[in-house]
Amino acid sequence: MHIKVSSPGIDVKQAEVDQIEKDLEKVARRLSGYNEVEVIVRIKDHSPSAHPSLHVTLELDYGRNHLVAKADDDDSGRAVRAAREDLLRQINDRSRGGHSSFTKGT
């Protein structure tokens, strides 16, 4: 899986990029059957006016699928993990089992 992190105007340390890669390993395991998997992580600062101050967008391309998930939080790690969970839900919705709410029996 190829991951690209974009954060205009925000100083993202290498340790944070490493953590983002670790947080997205769950997506990589779920899509291990695909040769080409690409994730673009965009982190934008909405401060000082907006709260929460960080907006994270994850764009995922695999096979013929293009998925987008967004999350807002003061902590970029929490926002990435929230968006990741939305991506995993979308992946499950597109899988053979159908919509995740049907497969969970709810």
Protein backbone atom coordinates (compact mmCIF):
# COMPACT_ATOMS: atom_id res chain seq x y z
CA MET A 1 0.00 0.00 0.00
CA HIS A 2 1.31 3.42 -0.98
CA ILE A 3 0.54 6.30 1.42
CA LYS A 4 0.98 9.97 0.62
CA VAL A 5 0.59 12.58 3.38
CA SER A 6 -0.18 16.18 2.48
CA SER A 7 -0.40 18.87 5.15
CA PRO A 8 -0.11 22.40 3.73
CA GLY A 9 0.82 24.88 6.43
CA ILE A 10 1.17 22.22 9.13
CA ASP A 11 4.51 20.84 10.27
CA VAL A 12 3.98 17.08 10.40
CA LYS A 13 6.87 15.23 12.03
CA GLN A 14 8.19 11.92 10.71
CA ALA A 15 6.95 10.20 13.88
CA GLU A 16 3.40 11.38 13.06
CA VAL A 17 3.72 10.06 9.49
CA ASP A 18 4.95 6.73 10.89
CA GLN A 19 1.91 6.62 13.20
CA ILE A 20 -0.44 7.37 10.29
CA GLU A 21 1.12 4.47 8.36
CA LYS A 22 0.65 2.22 11.39
CA ASP A 23 -2.98 3.35 11.79
CA LEU A 24 -3.67 2.50 8.14
CA GLU A 25 -2.20 -1.03 8.36
CA LYS A 26 -5.71 -2.29 9.14
CA VAL A 27 -6.85 -1.04 5.71
CA ALA A 28 -3.81 -2.64 4.05
CA ARG A 29 -4.61 -6.01 5.65
CA ARG A 30 -8.24 -5.76 4.55
CA LEU A 31 -7.18 -5.04 0.94
CA SER A 32 -4.24 -7.47 0.79
CA GLY A 33 -5.71 -9.12 -2.32
CA TYR A 34 -5.24 -5.97 -4.41
CA ASN A 35 -1.94 -5.18 -6.14
CA GLU A 36 -2.39 -1.40 -6.27
CA VAL A 37 -3.69 0.33 -3.15
CA GLU A 38 -3.10 4.05 -2.70
CA VAL A 39 -4.12 6.31 0.17
CA ILE A 40 -3.83 10.09 0.15
CA VAL A 41 -4.00 11.67 3.61
CA ARG A 42 -4.77 15.40 3.69
CA ILE A 43 -4.52 17.30 6.96
CA LYS A 44 -5.80 20.86 7.06
CA ASP A 45 -5.82 23.39 9.88
CA HIS A 46 -9.17 25.09 10.51
CA SER A 47 -8.02 27.15 13.49
CA PRO A 48 -8.43 29.67 14.99
CA SER A 49 -12.11 30.02 14.16
CA ALA A 50 -13.31 26.44 13.87
CA HIS A 51 -13.41 23.80 16.55
CA PRO A 52 -12.17 21.07 16.26
CA SER A 53 -9.18 22.59 14.57
CA LEU A 54 -7.90 19.78 12.28
CA HIS A 55 -9.72 18.35 9.28
CA VAL A 56 -8.45 15.03 7.88
CA THR A 57 -9.46 13.59 4.51
CA LEU A 58 -8.50 10.06 3.45
CA GLU A 59 -8.81 9.16 -0.23
CA LEU A 60 -8.44 5.47 -1.01
CA ASP A 61 -8.00 3.95 -4.46
CA TYR A 62 -8.00 0.19 -4.93
CA GLY A 63 -9.11 -1.84 -7.92
CA ARG A 64 -11.87 0.18 -9.57
CA ASN A 65 -12.92 1.77 -6.28
CA HIS A 66 -12.37 5.31 -5.03
CA LEU A 67 -13.47 6.00 -1.45
CA VAL A 68 -13.31 9.18 0.62
CA ALA A 69 -13.61 9.56 4.38
CA LYS A 70 -13.36 12.72 6.47
CA ALA A 71 -13.01 13.45 10.17
CA ASP A 72 -12.41 16.47 12.39
CA ASP A 73 -10.55 16.50 15.70
CA ASP A 74 -7.98 18.46 17.66
CA ASP A 75 -5.60 15.49 17.36
CA SER A 76 -4.56 14.36 13.88
CA GLY A 77 -4.12 10.75 15.04
CA ARG A 78 -7.68 10.51 16.36
CA ALA A 79 -9.00 12.11 13.17
CA VAL A 80 -7.04 9.65 10.99
CA ARG A 81 -8.36 6.69 13.00
CA ALA A 82 -11.96 7.96 12.79
CA ALA A 83 -11.66 8.41 9.03
CA ARG A 84 -10.03 4.97 8.76
CA GLU A 85 -13.02 3.37 10.47
CA ASP A 86 -15.31 5.08 7.97
CA LEU A 87 -13.16 3.74 5.11
CA LEU A 88 -13.35 0.22 6.53
CA ARG A 89 -17.14 0.53 6.77
CA GLN A 90 -17.29 1.64 3.14
CA ILE A 91 -15.04 -1.26 2.09
CA ASN A 92 -17.30 -3.70 3.93
CA ASP A 93 -20.37 -2.14 2.28
CA ARG A 94 -18.83 -2.83 -1.14
CA SER A 95 -17.81 -6.39 -0.35
CA ARG A 96 -19.80 -9.45 -1.40
CA GLY A 97 -21.72 -9.58 1.89
CA GLY A 98 -23.54 -6.40 1.01
CA HIS A 99 -24.34 -3.54 3.32
CA SER A 100 -22.65 -3.86 6.71
CA SER A 101 -25.89 -3.19 8.61
CA PHE A 102 -27.45 -6.23 6.93
CA THR A 103 -24.47 -8.48 7.60
CA LYS A 104 -24.40 -7.49 11.28
CA GLY A 105 -28.04 -8.43 11.62
CA THR A 106 -29.20 -4.98 12.73
